[in-house]
Amino acid sequence: MHQPPQGESIWGTINTCVEIALNVYMIVAVDGQGIEREGVMVRKNAVKDTLSEKAAAMGREDGDWLCFDEGKKDIPMYEVLQRRMALCRRMEAVVMKQMEEIRRDGKLSLTDYFGECAPPVETPAGQVDDMLHVRNGIYMTQDEESLKFAVHEAVADNFMSPMAAECGSRQGDYLFYDTASSAVMLNELKNVFDEVSALVISEDSLYATLDQNFPAYKQLYNACVPKEEQIPEADAPAELFLAVQLEAARDREEQESRPVEEERPEEMEEEFGEQIDYDIR
């Protein structure tokens, strides 16, 4: 999941933070005199994929962020909108082509169409320690860090939007998604492949996750698909759309609900030493 800026900024304490694009945030902060300041913050490691060199040169570095104050905040916003317009045109063309192919009689056989996709051997974090084959070109992998979904570029190029692909981390021929960002990938592939749909135990939680954690993606996706296929509002807890997430949540609840054992008098005596009566009256 992409974490928004929090706490202090160059303009003061962050009061409001709104994601306007992936890794780009509109900030309202309050300075030491109580005056509200507005600005745009762009995560530095995403600047090359988000802004032109000319625009980036006009920002001010602050830790992991590139900051644009009130006089310059329109510069990144303008470039974000330009990029979004181009992306929306590409996405619309891709989505329309996908729908035409998928809705024909019989679903497209990915193996027949692309051939067998070799499984991933390495994730962005290191070697694949274990994996589950979901279907051709789609795997659940485990590395030394965490569980990740792996989607072959052939699947991504033909069945996922460019915006969804940007939310993954590329390694070799695969895009990798952690359990949180897998909501983006699952949203686009669950209606294409039954094996992927079976992984989602709660669509409401999936939609709630997209609404809370990926609002820019949701906005763009809904702008490019028919109304009946848009991501709906959902009143559900986020990040409980996979069985592993639900199991982890249950484990946390069990740990939190366990009563704390009271220390017995002899244990307290061992901890604090012999109790002495000083006969103070």
C-alpha atoms as a PDB file:
ATOM      1  CA  MET A   1       0.000   0.000   0.000  1.00  0.00           C
ATOM      2  CA  HIS A   2       1.234   3.500  -0.785  1.00  0.00           C
ATOM      3  CA  GLN A   3       1.454   5.484   2.464  1.00  0.00           C
ATOM      4  CA  PRO A   4       0.413   9.170   2.288  1.00  0.00           C
ATOM      5  CA  PRO A   5       2.471  11.865   4.004  1.00  0.00           C
ATOM      6  CA  GLN A   6       1.652  12.370   7.679  1.00  0.00           C
ATOM      7  CA  GLY A   7       2.671  14.590  10.553  1.00  0.00           C
ATOM      8  CA  GLU A   8       4.931  17.536   9.758  1.00  0.00           C
ATOM      9  CA  SER A   9       5.609  19.082   6.344  1.00  0.00           C
ATOM     10  CA  ILE A  10       7.547  22.124   5.140  1.00  0.00           C
ATOM     11  CA  TRP A  11       4.321  24.102   5.522  1.00  0.00           C
ATOM     12  CA  GLY A  12       3.506  22.927   9.049  1.00  0.00           C
ATOM     13  CA  THR A  13       1.389  20.135  10.530  1.00  0.00           C
ATOM     14  CA  ILE A  14      -0.583  18.238   7.897  1.00  0.00           C
ATOM     15  CA  ASN A  15      -4.287  18.698   8.499  1.00  0.00           C
ATOM     16  CA  THR A  16      -5.749  17.311   5.258  1.00  0.00           C
ATOM     17  CA  CYS A  17      -4.241  14.930   2.714  1.00  0.00           C
ATOM     18  CA  VAL A  18      -6.009  13.986  -0.530  1.00  0.00           C
ATOM     19  CA  GLU A  19      -4.538  11.604  -3.100  1.00  0.00           C
ATOM     20  CA  ILE A  20      -4.866  13.159  -6.566  1.00  0.00           C
ATOM     21  CA  ALA A  21      -2.791  10.493  -8.343  1.00  0.00           C
ATOM     22  CA  LEU A  22      -0.628   7.542  -7.410  1.00  0.00           C
ATOM     23  CA  ASN A  23       2.047   8.895  -5.010  1.00  0.00           C
ATOM     24  CA  VAL A  24       0.828  12.497  -5.506  1.00  0.00           C
ATOM     25  CA  TYR A  25      -1.039  14.278  -2.691  1.00  0.00           C
ATOM     26  CA  MET A  26      -2.730  17.632  -2.178  1.00  0.00           C
ATOM     27  CA  ILE A  27      -1.867  18.874   1.313  1.00  0.00           C
ATOM     28  CA  VAL A  28      -3.446  21.424   3.632  1.00  0.00           C
ATOM     29  CA  ALA A  29      -1.137  22.173   6.581  1.00  0.00           C
ATOM     30  CA  VAL A  30      -1.270  24.582   9.511  1.00  0.00           C
ATOM     31  CA  ASP A  31       1.880  26.545  10.300  1.00  0.00           C
ATOM     32  CA  GLY A  32       3.098  27.761  13.680  1.00  0.00           C
ATOM     33  CA  GLN A  33       0.925  30.888  13.463  1.00  0.00           C
ATOM     34  CA  GLY A  34      -2.236  28.857  12.780  1.00  0.00           C
ATOM     35  CA  ILE A  35      -2.357  29.825   9.092  1.00  0.00           C
ATOM     36  CA  GLU A  36      -3.407  27.162   6.593  1.00  0.00           C
ATOM     37  CA  ARG A  37      -1.015  26.470   3.722  1.00  0.00           C
ATOM     38  CA  GLU A  38      -1.688  24.378   0.615  1.00  0.00           C
ATOM     39  CA  GLY A  39       0.765  22.420  -1.450  1.00  0.00           C
ATOM     40  CA  VAL A  40       1.388  19.252  -3.439  1.00  0.00           C
ATOM     41  CA  MET A  41       3.725  16.486  -2.302  1.00  0.00           C
ATOM     42  CA  VAL A  42       5.120  13.860  -4.686  1.00  0.00           C
ATOM     43  CA  ARG A  43       6.985  10.801  -3.443  1.00  0.00           C
ATOM     44  CA  LYS A  44      10.586  11.176  -4.659  1.00  0.00           C
ATOM     45  CA  ASN A  45      11.001   7.600  -5.844  1.00  0.00           C
ATOM     46  CA  ALA A  46       7.973   8.057  -8.125  1.00  0.00           C
ATOM     47  CA  VAL A  47       8.901  11.466  -9.577  1.00  0.00           C
ATOM     48  CA  LYS A  48      10.462  10.064 -12.771  1.00  0.00           C
ATOM     49  CA  ASP A  49       7.252   8.177 -13.552  1.00  0.00           C
ATOM     50  CA  THR A  50       4.997  11.103 -12.633  1.00  0.00           C
ATOM     51  CA  LEU A  51       6.563  14.440 -13.630  1.00  0.00           C
ATOM     52  CA  SER A  52       8.756  15.835 -16.364  1.00  0.00           C
ATOM     53  CA  GLU A  53      12.304  16.890 -15.474  1.00  0.00           C
ATOM     54  CA  LYS A  54      11.320  20.526 -15.912  1.00  0.00           C
ATOM     55  CA  ALA A  55       8.435  20.225 -13.458  1.00  0.00           C
ATOM     56  CA  ALA A  56      10.475  18.200 -10.948  1.00  0.00           C
ATOM     57  CA  ALA A  57      13.208  20.857 -10.955  1.00  0.00           C
ATOM     58  CA  MET A  58      10.692  23.393  -9.616  1.00  0.00           C
ATOM     59  CA  GLY A  59       9.923  21.377  -6.471  1.00  0.00           C
ATOM     60  CA  ARG A  60      11.643  21.470  -3.104  1.00  0.00           C
ATOM     61  CA  GLU A  61      13.028  18.279  -1.557  1.00  0.00           C
ATOM     62  CA  ASP A  62      11.951  17.318   1.936  1.00  0.00           C
ATOM     63  CA  GLY A  63      12.966  13.814   3.047  1.00  0.00           C
ATOM     64  CA  ASP A  64      11.184  11.262   0.859  1.00  0.00           C
ATOM     65  CA  TRP A  65       9.061  13.952  -0.780  1.00  0.00           C
ATOM     66  CA  LEU A  66       9.248  16.618  -3.477  1.00  0.00           C
ATOM     67  CA  CYS A  67       7.112  19.591  -2.429  1.00  0.00           C
ATOM     68  CA  PHE A  68       5.375  22.291  -4.453  1.00  0.00           C
ATOM     69  CA  ASP A  69       4.034  25.285  -2.533  1.00  0.00           C
ATOM     70  CA  GLU A  70       0.937  27.371  -3.245  1.00  0.00           C
ATOM     71  CA  GLY A  71       2.610  29.257  -6.069  1.00  0.00           C
ATOM     72  CA  LYS A  72       3.782  26.096  -7.832  1.00  0.00           C
ATOM     73  CA  LYS A  73       1.235  23.413  -6.929  1.00  0.00           C
ATOM     74  CA  ASP A  74      -0.571  23.838 -10.252  1.00  0.00           C
ATOM     75  CA  ILE A  75       2.522  22.572 -12.104  1.00  0.00           C
ATOM     76  CA  PRO A  76       2.369  18.940 -10.877  1.00  0.00           C
ATOM     77  CA  MET A  77      -1.430  19.008 -10.998  1.00  0.00           C
ATOM     78  CA  TYR A  78      -1.321  20.061 -14.663  1.00  0.00           C
ATOM     79  CA  GLU A  79       1.068  17.262 -15.566  1.00  0.00           C
ATOM     80  CA  VAL A  80      -0.939  14.712 -13.571  1.00  0.00           C
ATOM     81  CA  LEU A  81      -4.074  15.691 -15.507  1.00  0.00           C
ATOM     82  CA  GLN A  82      -2.232  15.442 -18.826  1.00  0.00           C
ATOM     83  CA  ARG A  83      -0.977  11.991 -17.898  1.00  0.00           C
ATOM     84  CA  ARG A  84      -4.423  10.936 -16.701  1.00  0.00           C
ATOM     85  CA  MET A  85      -6.064  12.007 -19.972  1.00  0.00           C
ATOM     86  CA  ALA A  86      -3.577   9.975 -22.008  1.00  0.00           C
ATOM     87  CA  LEU A  87      -3.897   7.025 -19.652  1.00  0.00           C
ATOM     88  CA  CYS A  88      -7.686   7.177 -19.777  1.00  0.00           C
ATOM     89  CA  ARG A  89      -7.652   7.032 -23.591  1.00  0.00           C
ATOM     90  CA  ARG A  90      -5.338   4.018 -23.520  1.00  0.00           C
ATOM     91  CA  MET A  91      -7.342   2.365 -20.772  1.00  0.00           C
ATOM     92  CA  GLU A  92     -10.649   2.869 -22.568  1.00  0.00           C
ATOM     93  CA  ALA A  93      -9.260   1.289 -25.731  1.00  0.00           C
ATOM     94  CA  VAL A  94      -7.828  -1.655 -23.789  1.00  0.00           C
ATOM     95  CA  VAL A  95     -11.006  -2.214 -21.771  1.00  0.00           C
ATOM     96  CA  MET A  96     -13.255  -2.112 -24.821  1.00  0.00           C
ATOM     97  CA  LYS A  97     -11.046  -4.645 -26.599  1.00  0.00           C
ATOM     98  CA  GLN A  98     -11.033  -6.901 -23.548  1.00  0.00           C
ATOM     99  CA  MET A  99     -14.798  -6.834 -23.222  1.00  0.00           C
ATOM    100  CA  GLU A 100     -15.276  -7.664 -26.878  1.00  0.00           C
ATOM    101  CA  GLU A 101     -13.000 -10.704 -26.590  1.00  0.00           C
ATOM    102  CA  ILE A 102     -14.230 -11.947 -23.223  1.00  0.00           C
ATOM    103  CA  ARG A 103     -17.936 -11.713 -24.052  1.00  0.00           C
ATOM    104  CA  ARG A 104     -17.690 -13.833 -27.149  1.00  0.00           C
ATOM    105  CA  ASP A 105     -18.827 -17.447 -26.892  1.00  0.00           C
ATOM    106  CA  GLY A 106     -16.423 -19.229 -24.573  1.00  0.00           C
ATOM    107  CA  LYS A 107     -13.722 -17.509 -22.610  1.00  0.00           C
ATOM    108  CA  LEU A 108     -10.340 -16.977 -24.169  1.00  0.00           C
ATOM    109  CA  SER A 109      -7.941 -19.817 -23.393  1.00  0.00           C
ATOM    110  CA  LEU A 110      -4.867 -18.022 -22.132  1.00  0.00           C
ATOM    111  CA  THR A 111      -2.635 -21.081 -22.608  1.00  0.00           C
ATOM    112  CA  ASP A 112      -3.716 -21.553 -26.216  1.00  0.00           C
ATOM    113  CA  TYR A 113      -3.452 -17.835 -26.930  1.00  0.00           C
ATOM    114  CA  PHE A 114      -0.111 -16.985 -25.284  1.00  0.00           C
ATOM    115  CA  GLY A 115       1.441 -20.379 -24.641  1.00  0.00           C
ATOM    116  CA  GLU A 116       2.484 -21.574 -21.197  1.00  0.00           C
ATOM    117  CA  CYS A 117       3.952 -18.788 -19.062  1.00  0.00           C
ATOM    118  CA  ALA A 118       7.058 -19.851 -17.140  1.00  0.00           C
ATOM    119  CA  PRO A 119       6.554 -19.444 -13.359  1.00  0.00           C
ATOM    120  CA  PRO A 120       8.351 -16.631 -11.506  1.00  0.00           C
ATOM    121  CA  VAL A 121      11.645 -17.465  -9.820  1.00  0.00           C
ATOM    122  CA  GLU A 122      12.350 -14.116  -8.162  1.00  0.00           C
ATOM    123  CA  THR A 123      10.266 -11.348  -6.610  1.00  0.00           C
ATOM    124  CA  PRO A 124      11.390  -7.724  -6.052  1.00  0.00           C
ATOM    125  CA  ALA A 125      12.388  -8.816  -2.522  1.00  0.00           C
ATOM    126  CA  GLY A 126      14.371 -11.937  -3.474  1.00  0.00           C
ATOM    127  CA  GLN A 127      13.967 -15.582  -4.398  1.00  0.00           C
ATOM    128  CA  VAL A 128      10.573 -17.267  -4.505  1.00  0.00           C
ATOM    129  CA  ASP A 129      10.496 -19.675  -1.547  1.00  0.00           C
ATOM    130  CA  ASP A 130       7.082 -21.176  -2.288  1.00  0.00           C
ATOM    131  CA  MET A 131       4.249 -20.617  -4.748  1.00  0.00           C
ATOM    132  CA  LEU A 132       0.681 -21.592  -5.566  1.00  0.00           C
ATOM    133  CA  HIS A 133      -0.312 -21.891  -9.234  1.00  0.00           C
ATOM    134  CA  VAL A 134      -3.634 -20.039  -9.637  1.00  0.00           C
ATOM    135  CA  ARG A 135      -3.744 -20.389 -13.421  1.00  0.00           C
ATOM    136  CA  ASN A 136      -1.424 -19.852 -16.378  1.00  0.00           C
ATOM    137  CA  GLY A 137       0.539 -16.647 -15.733  1.00  0.00           C
ATOM    138  CA  ILE A 138      -0.957 -15.981 -12.266  1.00  0.00           C
ATOM    139  CA  TYR A 139       0.659 -17.203  -9.038  1.00  0.00           C
ATOM    140  CA  MET A 140       0.616 -16.617  -5.305  1.00  0.00           C
ATOM    141  CA  THR A 141       4.247 -16.464  -4.191  1.00  0.00           C
ATOM    142  CA  GLN A 142       6.051 -16.376  -0.860  1.00  0.00           C
ATOM    143  CA  ASP A 143       9.471 -14.750  -0.473  1.00  0.00           C
ATOM    144  CA  GLU A 144      11.469 -13.952   2.648  1.00  0.00           C
ATOM    145  CA  GLU A 145       9.321 -10.870   3.278  1.00  0.00           C
ATOM    146  CA  SER A 146       5.685 -11.651   2.541  1.00  0.00           C
ATOM    147  CA  LEU A 147       2.993 -13.153   0.356  1.00  0.00           C
ATOM    148  CA  LYS A 148       2.783 -11.595  -3.112  1.00  0.00           C
ATOM    149  CA  PHE A 149       0.663 -12.127  -6.191  1.00  0.00           C
ATOM    150  CA  ALA A 150       2.569 -12.528  -9.458  1.00  0.00           C
ATOM    151  CA  VAL A 151       0.916 -11.652 -12.785  1.00  0.00           C
ATOM    152  CA  HIS A 152       2.730 -12.355 -16.054  1.00  0.00           C
ATOM    153  CA  GLU A 153       3.120  -9.361 -18.364  1.00  0.00           C
ATOM    154  CA  ALA A 154       1.122 -11.173 -21.055  1.00  0.00           C
ATOM    155  CA  VAL A 155      -1.875 -11.301 -18.701  1.00  0.00           C
ATOM    156  CA  ALA A 156      -1.370  -7.713 -17.552  1.00  0.00           C
ATOM    157  CA  ASP A 157      -1.015  -6.320 -21.087  1.00  0.00           C
ATOM    158  CA  ASN A 158      -4.189  -7.985 -22.333  1.00  0.00           C
ATOM    159  CA  PHE A 159      -6.529  -8.115 -19.358  1.00  0.00           C
ATOM    160  CA  MET A 160      -5.490  -5.279 -17.031  1.00  0.00           C
ATOM    161  CA  SER A 161      -5.530  -1.508 -17.381  1.00  0.00           C
ATOM    162  CA  PRO A 162      -2.266   0.492 -17.466  1.00  0.00           C
ATOM    163  CA  MET A 163      -3.262   2.048 -14.123  1.00  0.00           C
ATOM    164  CA  ALA A 164      -3.526  -1.406 -12.516  1.00  0.00           C
ATOM    165  CA  ALA A 165      -0.170  -2.395 -13.953  1.00  0.00           C
ATOM    166  CA  GLU A 166       1.424   0.727 -12.434  1.00  0.00           C
ATOM    167  CA  CYS A 167       0.359  -0.436  -8.969  1.00  0.00           C
ATOM    168  CA  GLY A 168       2.548  -3.543  -9.307  1.00  0.00           C
ATOM    169  CA  SER A 169       6.314  -3.903  -8.941  1.00  0.00           C
ATOM    170  CA  ARG A 170       8.014  -5.449 -11.962  1.00  0.00           C
ATOM    171  CA  GLN A 171      10.573  -8.220 -11.672  1.00  0.00           C
ATOM    172  CA  GLY A 172      11.486 -10.114 -14.836  1.00  0.00           C
ATOM    173  CA  ASP A 173       8.359 -11.016 -16.812  1.00  0.00           C
ATOM    174  CA  TYR A 174       6.053 -10.575 -13.823  1.00  0.00           C
ATOM    175  CA  LEU A 175       4.264  -7.814 -11.926  1.00  0.00           C
ATOM    176  CA  PHE A 176       4.082  -8.370  -8.173  1.00  0.00           C
ATOM    177  CA  TYR A 177       1.366  -7.141  -5.785  1.00  0.00           C
ATOM    178  CA  ASP A 178       1.345  -7.344  -1.992  1.00  0.00           C
ATOM    179  CA  THR A 179      -1.896  -8.370  -0.316  1.00  0.00           C
ATOM    180  CA  ALA A 180      -3.140  -4.771  -0.022  1.00  0.00           C
ATOM    181  CA  SER A 181      -2.394  -3.666  -3.607  1.00  0.00           C
ATOM    182  CA  SER A 182      -3.672  -6.996  -4.933  1.00  0.00           C
ATOM    183  CA  ALA A 183      -7.133  -5.411  -4.611  1.00  0.00           C
ATOM    184  CA  VAL A 184      -6.382  -3.501  -7.821  1.00  0.00           C
ATOM    185  CA  MET A 185      -5.286  -6.605  -9.721  1.00  0.00           C
ATOM    186  CA  LEU A 186      -8.124  -8.768  -8.379  1.00  0.00           C
ATOM    187  CA  ASN A 187     -10.719  -6.160  -9.290  1.00  0.00           C
ATOM    188  CA  GLU A 188      -9.766  -6.402 -12.960  1.00  0.00           C
ATOM    189  CA  LEU A 189      -9.115 -10.145 -13.248  1.00  0.00           C
ATOM    190  CA  LYS A 190     -11.910 -11.589 -11.090  1.00  0.00           C
ATOM    191  CA  ASN A 191     -14.453 -11.109 -13.878  1.00  0.00           C
ATOM    192  CA  VAL A 192     -12.134 -12.670 -16.437  1.00  0.00           C
ATOM    193  CA  PHE A 193     -10.886 -15.840 -14.744  1.00  0.00           C
ATOM    194  CA  ASP A 194     -12.914 -18.037 -12.409  1.00  0.00           C
ATOM    195  CA  GLU A 195      -9.765 -19.148 -10.591  1.00  0.00           C
ATOM    196  CA  VAL A 196      -9.033 -15.533  -9.639  1.00  0.00           C
ATOM    197  CA  SER A 197     -12.635 -14.861  -8.632  1.00  0.00           C
ATOM    198  CA  ALA A 198     -12.445 -17.829  -6.242  1.00  0.00           C
ATOM    199  CA  LEU A 199      -9.664 -16.078  -4.299  1.00  0.00           C
ATOM    200  CA  VAL A 200     -11.962 -13.179  -3.326  1.00  0.00           C
ATOM    201  CA  ILE A 201     -13.979 -14.107  -0.249  1.00  0.00           C
ATOM    202  CA  SER A 202     -15.601 -10.664   0.091  1.00  0.00           C
ATOM    203  CA  GLU A 203     -16.239  -8.337  -2.832  1.00  0.00           C
ATOM    204  CA  ASP A 204     -17.535  -5.678  -0.436  1.00  0.00           C
ATOM    205  CA  SER A 205     -14.201  -5.655   1.409  1.00  0.00           C
ATOM    206  CA  LEU A 206     -12.389  -5.551  -1.929  1.00  0.00           C
ATOM    207  CA  TYR A 207     -14.364  -2.482  -3.014  1.00  0.00           C
ATOM    208  CA  ALA A 208     -13.925  -0.840   0.396  1.00  0.00           C
ATOM    209  CA  THR A 209     -10.161  -1.362   0.111  1.00  0.00           C
ATOM    210  CA  LEU A 210     -10.078   0.301  -3.302  1.00  0.00           C
ATOM    211  CA  ASP A 211     -12.193   3.189  -2.017  1.00  0.00           C
ATOM    212  CA  GLN A 212     -10.026   3.800   1.070  1.00  0.00           C
ATOM    213  CA  ASN A 213      -6.521   2.955  -0.177  1.00  0.00           C
ATOM    214  CA  PHE A 214      -6.637   3.522  -3.935  1.00  0.00           C
ATOM    215  CA  PRO A 215      -9.081   6.393  -4.577  1.00  0.00           C
ATOM    216  CA  ALA A 216      -7.167   7.687  -7.619  1.00  0.00           C
ATOM    217  CA  TYR A 217      -7.322   4.274  -9.278  1.00  0.00           C
ATOM    218  CA  LYS A 218     -11.032   3.935  -8.494  1.00  0.00           C
ATOM    219  CA  GLN A 219     -11.792   7.371  -9.943  1.00  0.00           C
ATOM    220  CA  LEU A 220      -9.954   6.672 -13.186  1.00  0.00           C
ATOM    221  CA  TYR A 221     -11.329   3.146 -13.547  1.00  0.00           C
ATOM    222  CA  ASN A 222     -14.920   4.309 -13.071  1.00  0.00           C
ATOM    223  CA  ALA A 223     -14.379   7.083 -15.628  1.00  0.00           C
ATOM    224  CA  CYS A 224     -13.448   4.558 -18.304  1.00  0.00           C
ATOM    225  CA  VAL A 225     -15.945   1.722 -17.901  1.00  0.00           C
ATOM    226  CA  PRO A 226     -19.745   1.510 -18.278  1.00  0.00           C
ATOM    227  CA  LYS A 227     -21.774   2.452 -15.207  1.00  0.00           C
ATOM    228  CA  GLU A 228     -22.854  -1.136 -14.511  1.00  0.00           C
ATOM    229  CA  GLU A 229     -19.209  -2.215 -14.295  1.00  0.00           C
ATOM    230  CA  GLN A 230     -17.936   0.608 -12.072  1.00  0.00           C
ATOM    231  CA  ILE A 231     -16.512   0.027  -8.591  1.00  0.00           C
ATOM    232  CA  PRO A 232     -19.419   0.642  -6.183  1.00  0.00           C
ATOM    233  CA  GLU A 233     -19.434   2.168  -2.724  1.00  0.00           C
ATOM    234  CA  ALA A 234     -19.155  -0.510  -0.048  1.00  0.00           C
ATOM    235  CA  ASP A 235     -19.850  -0.398   3.686  1.00  0.00           C
ATOM    236  CA  ALA A 236     -17.350  -3.031   4.791  1.00  0.00           C
ATOM    237  CA  PRO A 237     -13.973  -3.320   6.525  1.00  0.00           C
ATOM    238  CA  ALA A 238     -10.970  -2.922   4.232  1.00  0.00           C
ATOM    239  CA  GLU A 239      -8.308  -5.565   3.564  1.00  0.00           C
ATOM    240  CA  LEU A 240     -10.447  -8.569   4.478  1.00  0.00           C
ATOM    241  CA  PHE A 241     -11.088  -9.775   0.925  1.00  0.00           C
ATOM    242  CA  LEU A 242      -8.595 -12.675   1.045  1.00  0.00           C
ATOM    243  CA  ALA A 243      -8.666 -15.762   3.256  1.00  0.00           C
ATOM    244  CA  VAL A 244      -5.153 -15.025   4.568  1.00  0.00           C
ATOM    245  CA  GLN A 245      -6.241 -11.537   5.648  1.00  0.00           C
ATOM    246  CA  LEU A 246      -9.297 -12.880   7.444  1.00  0.00           C
ATOM    247  CA  GLU A 247      -7.223 -15.543   9.201  1.00  0.00           C
ATOM    248  CA  ALA A 248      -4.669 -12.944  10.330  1.00  0.00           C
ATOM    249  CA  ALA A 249      -7.474 -10.701  11.644  1.00  0.00           C
ATOM    250  CA  ARG A 250      -8.953 -13.599  13.630  1.00  0.00           C
ATOM    251  CA  ASP A 251      -5.558 -14.380  15.137  1.00  0.00           C
ATOM    252  CA  ARG A 252      -5.189 -10.738  16.230  1.00  0.00           C
ATOM    253  CA  GLU A 253      -8.660 -10.753  17.793  1.00  0.00           C
ATOM    254  CA  GLU A 254      -7.886 -13.931  19.709  1.00  0.00           C
ATOM    255  CA  GLN A 255      -4.665 -12.478  21.078  1.00  0.00           C
ATOM    256  CA  GLU A 256      -6.354  -9.226  22.082  1.00  0.00           C
ATOM    257  CA  SER A 257      -9.249 -11.047  23.774  1.00  0.00           C
ATOM    258  CA  ARG A 258      -7.040 -13.229  25.950  1.00  0.00           C
ATOM    259  CA  PRO A 259      -7.316 -12.104  29.611  1.00  0.00           C
ATOM    260  CA  VAL A 260      -4.184 -10.822  31.286  1.00  0.00           C
ATOM    261  CA  GLU A 261      -3.273 -13.133  34.131  1.00  0.00           C
ATOM    262  CA  GLU A 262      -3.073 -11.393  37.505  1.00  0.00           C
ATOM    263  CA  GLU A 263       0.214 -11.780  39.324  1.00  0.00           C
ATOM    264  CA  ARG A 264       0.011 -13.966  42.358  1.00  0.00           C
ATOM    265  CA  PRO A 265       1.294 -12.540  45.694  1.00  0.00           C
ATOM    266  CA  GLU A 266       4.320 -14.863  45.679  1.00  0.00           C
ATOM    267  CA  GLU A 267       5.197 -13.705  42.152  1.00  0.00           C
ATOM    268  CA  MET A 268       4.986 -10.060  43.248  1.00  0.00           C
ATOM    269  CA  GLU A 269       7.177 -10.904  46.232  1.00  0.00           C
ATOM    270  CA  GLU A 270       9.773 -12.454  43.959  1.00  0.00           C
ATOM    271  CA  GLU A 271       9.722  -9.385  41.731  1.00  0.00           C
ATOM    272  CA  PHE A 272       9.889  -6.702  44.420  1.00  0.00           C
ATOM    273  CA  GLY A 273      11.723  -8.589  47.184  1.00  0.00           C
ATOM    274  CA  GLU A 274      10.587  -9.459  50.691  1.00  0.00           C
ATOM    275  CA  GLN A 275       7.756  -7.287  51.977  1.00  0.00           C
ATOM    276  CA  ILE A 276       8.857  -5.594  55.249  1.00  0.00           C
ATOM    277  CA  ASP A 277       6.577  -4.107  57.854  1.00  0.00           C
ATOM    278  CA  TYR A 278       8.276  -0.916  59.046  1.00  0.00           C
ATOM    279  CA  ASP A 279       5.689  -0.457  61.822  1.00  0.00           C
ATOM    280  CA  ILE A 280       5.074   3.182  60.949  1.00  0.00           C
ATOM    281  CA  ARG A 281       2.102   4.591  62.877  1.00  0.00           C
END
